[in-house]
Amino acid sequence: MDEWHDVGGASDLSDDTPLAASIGGNEIGVYVVGDRYYAMENVCPHAYALLSQGFVEGEEIECPLHGARFHIPTGKCTQEPGGRDLVCYAVKREGERLLVKVD
C-alpha cells in the first residue's frame, strides 16, 4: 500500500542543501529545484555514498565519492560511474511539511 511520509519542513532544504530521510529501509534524498520538490534514492548505486552529501549543480546531484551525476527531476544517470538510473518518489507539500510517497 502506498503511504505518504513526513520527511521534514520545506525550510529544512534549499537549492544546494538536500534533505535526507529514511523510510521503511529506503534511504531517500529530497531536493528543491526552483519551486518544485523531488525525491529519489539517496544511495549511489556505484558505491555506497549518500547523494544528499554530494554537490548540487542546477538540476543535478554529483556523488561525493566518484563524481557520478544524476538528474534530480528524473533520476537519470547523466555521468558514470553511476551504473543505472535512480528510483524517484512522489513529493507533496502540505503547509510547511514535505511528504514523500513510498510503495
N, C-alpha and C. Protein backbone atom coordinates (compact mmCIF):
# COMPACT_ATOMS: atom_id res chain seq x y z
N MET A 1 0.83 -1.19 0.00
CA MET A 1 0.00 0.00 0.00
C MET A 1 0.88 1.25 0.00
N ASP A 2 0.53 2.20 -0.82
CA ASP A 2 1.28 3.45 -0.89
C ASP A 2 0.94 4.31 0.31
N GLU A 3 1.96 4.91 0.89
CA GLU A 3 1.74 5.79 2.03
C GLU A 3 2.60 7.04 1.89
N TRP A 4 2.07 8.15 2.40
CA TRP A 4 2.81 9.40 2.44
C TRP A 4 3.50 9.49 3.80
N HIS A 5 4.77 9.90 3.77
CA HIS A 5 5.57 10.00 4.99
C HIS A 5 6.13 11.42 5.12
N ASP A 6 5.98 11.99 6.29
CA ASP A 6 6.52 13.32 6.58
C ASP A 6 8.04 13.19 6.69
N VAL A 7 8.77 13.97 5.88
CA VAL A 7 10.23 13.90 5.89
C VAL A 7 10.89 15.16 6.41
N GLY A 8 10.10 16.20 6.70
CA GLY A 8 10.68 17.42 7.25
C GLY A 8 9.98 18.65 6.73
N GLY A 9 10.49 19.78 7.16
CA GLY A 9 9.91 21.05 6.76
C GLY A 9 10.53 21.57 5.47
N ALA A 10 9.75 22.28 4.70
CA ALA A 10 10.24 22.86 3.45
C ALA A 10 11.41 23.80 3.71
N SER A 11 11.44 24.44 4.87
CA SER A 11 12.54 25.36 5.18
C SER A 11 13.82 24.62 5.57
N ASP A 12 13.75 23.27 5.69
CA ASP A 12 14.93 22.48 6.04
C ASP A 12 15.85 22.23 4.85
N LEU A 13 15.41 22.61 3.64
CA LEU A 13 16.26 22.41 2.48
C LEU A 13 16.28 23.66 1.61
N SER A 14 17.31 23.72 0.76
CA SER A 14 17.44 24.83 -0.18
C SER A 14 17.97 24.26 -1.49
N ASP A 15 18.16 25.11 -2.48
CA ASP A 15 18.63 24.65 -3.79
C ASP A 15 19.93 23.84 -3.71
N ASP A 16 20.79 24.16 -2.76
CA ASP A 16 22.06 23.44 -2.66
C ASP A 16 22.19 22.60 -1.39
N THR A 17 21.11 22.48 -0.62
CA THR A 17 21.14 21.67 0.59
C THR A 17 19.96 20.72 0.61
N PRO A 18 20.16 19.46 0.14
CA PRO A 18 19.08 18.48 0.15
C PRO A 18 18.75 18.01 1.56
N LEU A 19 17.69 17.27 1.66
CA LEU A 19 17.23 16.69 2.91
C LEU A 19 17.35 15.17 2.79
N ALA A 20 17.86 14.50 3.80
CA ALA A 20 17.97 13.04 3.80
C ALA A 20 16.91 12.46 4.72
N ALA A 21 16.29 11.37 4.28
CA ALA A 21 15.27 10.70 5.09
C ALA A 21 15.40 9.19 4.92
N SER A 22 15.01 8.47 5.95
CA SER A 22 14.97 7.01 5.88
C SER A 22 13.52 6.60 6.13
N ILE A 23 12.94 5.90 5.15
CA ILE A 23 11.54 5.48 5.25
C ILE A 23 11.47 3.99 4.97
N GLY A 24 11.14 3.22 5.99
CA GLY A 24 10.98 1.78 5.81
C GLY A 24 12.16 1.10 5.17
N GLY A 25 13.36 1.49 5.54
CA GLY A 25 14.56 0.89 4.97
C GLY A 25 15.01 1.53 3.67
N ASN A 26 14.27 2.48 3.15
CA ASN A 26 14.65 3.21 1.93
C ASN A 26 15.33 4.51 2.31
N GLU A 27 16.54 4.70 1.81
CA GLU A 27 17.25 5.96 2.01
C GLU A 27 16.83 6.88 0.87
N ILE A 28 16.29 8.05 1.20
CA ILE A 28 15.72 8.95 0.20
C ILE A 28 16.30 10.35 0.38
N GLY A 29 16.63 10.97 -0.75
CA GLY A 29 17.07 12.36 -0.76
C GLY A 29 15.95 13.22 -1.31
N VAL A 30 15.70 14.34 -0.66
CA VAL A 30 14.65 15.27 -1.09
C VAL A 30 15.33 16.57 -1.51
N TYR A 31 14.92 17.07 -2.68
CA TYR A 31 15.56 18.23 -3.28
C TYR A 31 14.52 19.27 -3.67
N VAL A 32 14.96 20.52 -3.71
CA VAL A 32 14.13 21.58 -4.28
C VAL A 32 14.93 22.18 -5.44
N VAL A 33 14.27 22.27 -6.58
CA VAL A 33 14.86 22.89 -7.77
C VAL A 33 13.87 23.96 -8.20
N GLY A 34 14.27 25.20 -8.05
CA GLY A 34 13.34 26.30 -8.30
C GLY A 34 12.25 26.26 -7.25
N ASP A 35 11.01 26.04 -7.68
CA ASP A 35 9.90 25.95 -6.71
C ASP A 35 9.27 24.56 -6.71
N ARG A 36 10.00 23.55 -7.23
CA ARG A 36 9.48 22.18 -7.28
C ARG A 36 10.30 21.28 -6.37
N TYR A 37 9.62 20.30 -5.79
CA TYR A 37 10.26 19.35 -4.89
C TYR A 37 10.37 17.99 -5.55
N TYR A 38 11.49 17.30 -5.31
CA TYR A 38 11.75 15.99 -5.90
C TYR A 38 12.34 15.07 -4.83
N ALA A 39 12.10 13.77 -4.98
CA ALA A 39 12.69 12.79 -4.09
C ALA A 39 13.17 11.60 -4.92
N MET A 40 14.33 11.07 -4.55
CA MET A 40 14.86 9.89 -5.23
C MET A 40 15.77 9.14 -4.28
N GLU A 41 16.19 7.96 -4.72
CA GLU A 41 17.11 7.17 -3.92
C GLU A 41 18.26 8.06 -3.47
N ASN A 42 18.73 7.82 -2.27
CA ASN A 42 19.81 8.65 -1.73
C ASN A 42 21.16 7.95 -1.76
N VAL A 43 21.19 6.68 -2.16
CA VAL A 43 22.45 5.94 -2.16
C VAL A 43 22.91 5.75 -3.61
N CYS A 44 24.13 6.16 -3.89
CA CYS A 44 24.69 6.00 -5.22
C CYS A 44 24.84 4.50 -5.51
N PRO A 45 24.35 4.02 -6.67
CA PRO A 45 24.45 2.60 -6.98
C PRO A 45 25.88 2.13 -7.27
N HIS A 46 26.78 3.04 -7.55
CA HIS A 46 28.17 2.66 -7.87
C HIS A 46 28.91 2.19 -6.62
N ALA A 47 28.83 2.95 -5.57
CA ALA A 47 29.49 2.62 -4.30
C ALA A 47 28.70 3.34 -3.23
N TYR A 48 28.58 2.74 -2.07
CA TYR A 48 27.71 3.32 -1.05
C TYR A 48 28.19 4.72 -0.67
N ALA A 49 27.41 5.70 -1.07
CA ALA A 49 27.63 7.10 -0.69
C ALA A 49 26.28 7.77 -0.70
N LEU A 50 26.03 8.60 0.28
CA LEU A 50 24.76 9.34 0.33
C LEU A 50 24.84 10.52 -0.62
N LEU A 51 23.99 10.49 -1.63
CA LEU A 51 23.99 11.57 -2.62
C LEU A 51 23.64 12.91 -2.01
N SER A 52 22.81 12.91 -0.97
CA SER A 52 22.43 14.17 -0.33
C SER A 52 23.64 14.87 0.29
N GLN A 53 24.77 14.16 0.40
CA GLN A 53 26.00 14.78 0.90
C GLN A 53 26.89 15.23 -0.26
N GLY A 54 26.36 15.10 -1.48
CA GLY A 54 27.11 15.47 -2.67
C GLY A 54 26.92 16.93 -3.02
N PHE A 55 27.15 17.22 -4.28
CA PHE A 55 27.19 18.59 -4.75
C PHE A 55 26.05 18.84 -5.73
N VAL A 56 25.14 19.75 -5.39
CA VAL A 56 24.03 20.09 -6.27
C VAL A 56 24.49 21.19 -7.22
N GLU A 57 24.24 20.95 -8.51
CA GLU A 57 24.55 21.96 -9.52
C GLU A 57 23.38 22.01 -10.49
N GLY A 58 22.58 23.05 -10.38
CA GLY A 58 21.40 23.17 -11.22
C GLY A 58 20.40 22.07 -10.91
N GLU A 59 20.11 21.23 -11.91
CA GLU A 59 19.16 20.12 -11.75
C GLU A 59 19.87 18.79 -11.53
N GLU A 60 21.15 18.81 -11.18
CA GLU A 60 21.90 17.57 -10.99
C GLU A 60 22.54 17.50 -9.62
N ILE A 61 22.71 16.25 -9.16
CA ILE A 61 23.44 15.98 -7.92
C ILE A 61 24.65 15.14 -8.30
N GLU A 62 25.80 15.49 -7.74
CA GLU A 62 27.03 14.75 -8.01
C GLU A 62 27.42 13.96 -6.76
N CYS A 63 27.69 12.67 -6.95
CA CYS A 63 28.09 11.81 -5.85
C CYS A 63 29.39 12.33 -5.24
N PRO A 64 29.46 12.38 -3.90
CA PRO A 64 30.66 12.91 -3.25
C PRO A 64 31.88 11.98 -3.36
N LEU A 65 31.69 10.71 -3.73
CA LEU A 65 32.83 9.79 -3.80
C LEU A 65 33.53 9.75 -5.16
N HIS A 66 32.78 9.45 -6.22
CA HIS A 66 33.42 9.21 -7.50
C HIS A 66 32.89 10.07 -8.64
N GLY A 67 32.05 11.06 -8.35
CA GLY A 67 31.64 12.01 -9.36
C GLY A 67 30.50 11.60 -10.27
N ALA A 68 29.83 10.47 -9.98
CA ALA A 68 28.65 10.12 -10.77
C ALA A 68 27.63 11.25 -10.61
N ARG A 69 26.86 11.51 -11.68
CA ARG A 69 25.87 12.60 -11.63
C ARG A 69 24.51 12.06 -12.01
N PHE A 70 23.47 12.62 -11.36
CA PHE A 70 22.10 12.21 -11.60
C PHE A 70 21.21 13.44 -11.76
N HIS A 71 20.26 13.36 -12.71
CA HIS A 71 19.30 14.42 -12.95
C HIS A 71 18.24 14.34 -11.86
N ILE A 72 18.09 15.37 -11.06
CA ILE A 72 17.19 15.36 -9.91
C ILE A 72 15.73 15.15 -10.30
N PRO A 73 15.18 15.83 -11.30
CA PRO A 73 13.77 15.61 -11.61
C PRO A 73 13.43 14.20 -12.12
N THR A 74 14.39 13.52 -12.77
CA THR A 74 14.08 12.22 -13.38
C THR A 74 14.84 11.04 -12.79
N GLY A 75 15.91 11.29 -12.06
CA GLY A 75 16.75 10.21 -11.54
C GLY A 75 17.71 9.63 -12.56
N LYS A 76 17.71 10.15 -13.78
CA LYS A 76 18.57 9.62 -14.85
C LYS A 76 20.05 9.83 -14.52
N CYS A 77 20.84 8.80 -14.74
CA CYS A 77 22.29 8.90 -14.58
C CYS A 77 22.81 9.69 -15.78
N THR A 78 23.47 10.82 -15.52
CA THR A 78 23.97 11.67 -16.60
C THR A 78 25.48 11.60 -16.74
N GLN A 79 26.14 10.99 -15.75
CA GLN A 79 27.60 10.82 -15.84
C GLN A 79 27.98 9.60 -15.04
N GLU A 80 28.70 8.70 -15.67
CA GLU A 80 29.18 7.49 -14.99
C GLU A 80 30.24 7.87 -13.96
N PRO A 81 30.47 7.05 -12.94
CA PRO A 81 30.16 5.63 -12.86
C PRO A 81 28.86 5.31 -12.11
N GLY A 82 27.78 6.01 -12.35
CA GLY A 82 26.53 5.76 -11.63
C GLY A 82 25.97 4.36 -11.83
N GLY A 83 26.10 3.83 -13.05
CA GLY A 83 25.69 2.46 -13.29
C GLY A 83 24.23 2.27 -13.71
N ARG A 84 23.34 3.08 -13.18
CA ARG A 84 21.92 2.96 -13.51
C ARG A 84 21.20 4.22 -13.07
N ASP A 85 19.95 4.34 -13.52
CA ASP A 85 19.11 5.45 -13.08
C ASP A 85 18.60 5.18 -11.67
N LEU A 86 18.18 6.22 -10.98
CA LEU A 86 17.68 6.09 -9.62
C LEU A 86 16.15 6.05 -9.58
N VAL A 87 15.62 5.40 -8.58
CA VAL A 87 14.18 5.36 -8.36
C VAL A 87 13.75 6.72 -7.82
N CYS A 88 12.68 7.28 -8.38
CA CYS A 88 12.14 8.55 -7.92
C CYS A 88 10.84 8.31 -7.16
N TYR A 89 10.52 9.21 -6.26
CA TYR A 89 9.32 9.12 -5.43
C TYR A 89 8.52 10.41 -5.56
N ALA A 90 7.22 10.30 -5.40
CA ALA A 90 6.35 11.47 -5.44
C ALA A 90 6.54 12.29 -4.16
N VAL A 91 6.48 13.61 -4.30
CA VAL A 91 6.62 14.53 -3.17
C VAL A 91 5.47 15.52 -3.22
N LYS A 92 4.94 15.86 -2.06
CA LYS A 92 3.96 16.94 -2.00
C LYS A 92 4.25 17.78 -0.77
N ARG A 93 3.82 19.02 -0.86
CA ARG A 93 3.97 19.95 0.25
C ARG A 93 2.60 20.23 0.82
N GLU A 94 2.49 20.08 2.13
CA GLU A 94 1.26 20.43 2.85
C GLU A 94 1.64 21.45 3.92
N GLY A 95 1.31 22.70 3.62
CA GLY A 95 1.75 23.77 4.52
C GLY A 95 3.26 23.86 4.47
N GLU A 96 3.89 23.74 5.62
CA GLU A 96 5.35 23.79 5.72
C GLU A 96 5.98 22.40 5.61
N ARG A 97 5.18 21.34 5.66
CA ARG A 97 5.69 19.98 5.70
C ARG A 97 5.84 19.38 4.30
N LEU A 98 6.87 18.55 4.14
CA LEU A 98 7.09 17.81 2.90
C LEU A 98 6.77 16.34 3.16
N LEU A 99 6.02 15.74 2.23
CA LEU A 99 5.65 14.34 2.36
C LEU A 99 6.11 13.59 1.11
N VAL A 100 6.63 12.38 1.33
CA VAL A 100 7.11 11.53 0.24
C VAL A 100 6.28 10.27 0.23
N LYS A 101 5.88 9.84 -0.97
CA LYS A 101 5.08 8.64 -1.14
C LYS A 101 5.99 7.45 -1.45
N VAL A 102 5.90 6.43 -0.61
CA VAL A 102 6.73 5.23 -0.78
C VAL A 102 5.82 4.02 -0.92
N ASP A 103 6.12 3.18 -1.92
CA ASP A 103 5.33 1.96 -2.13
C ASP A 103 5.63 0.93 -1.05
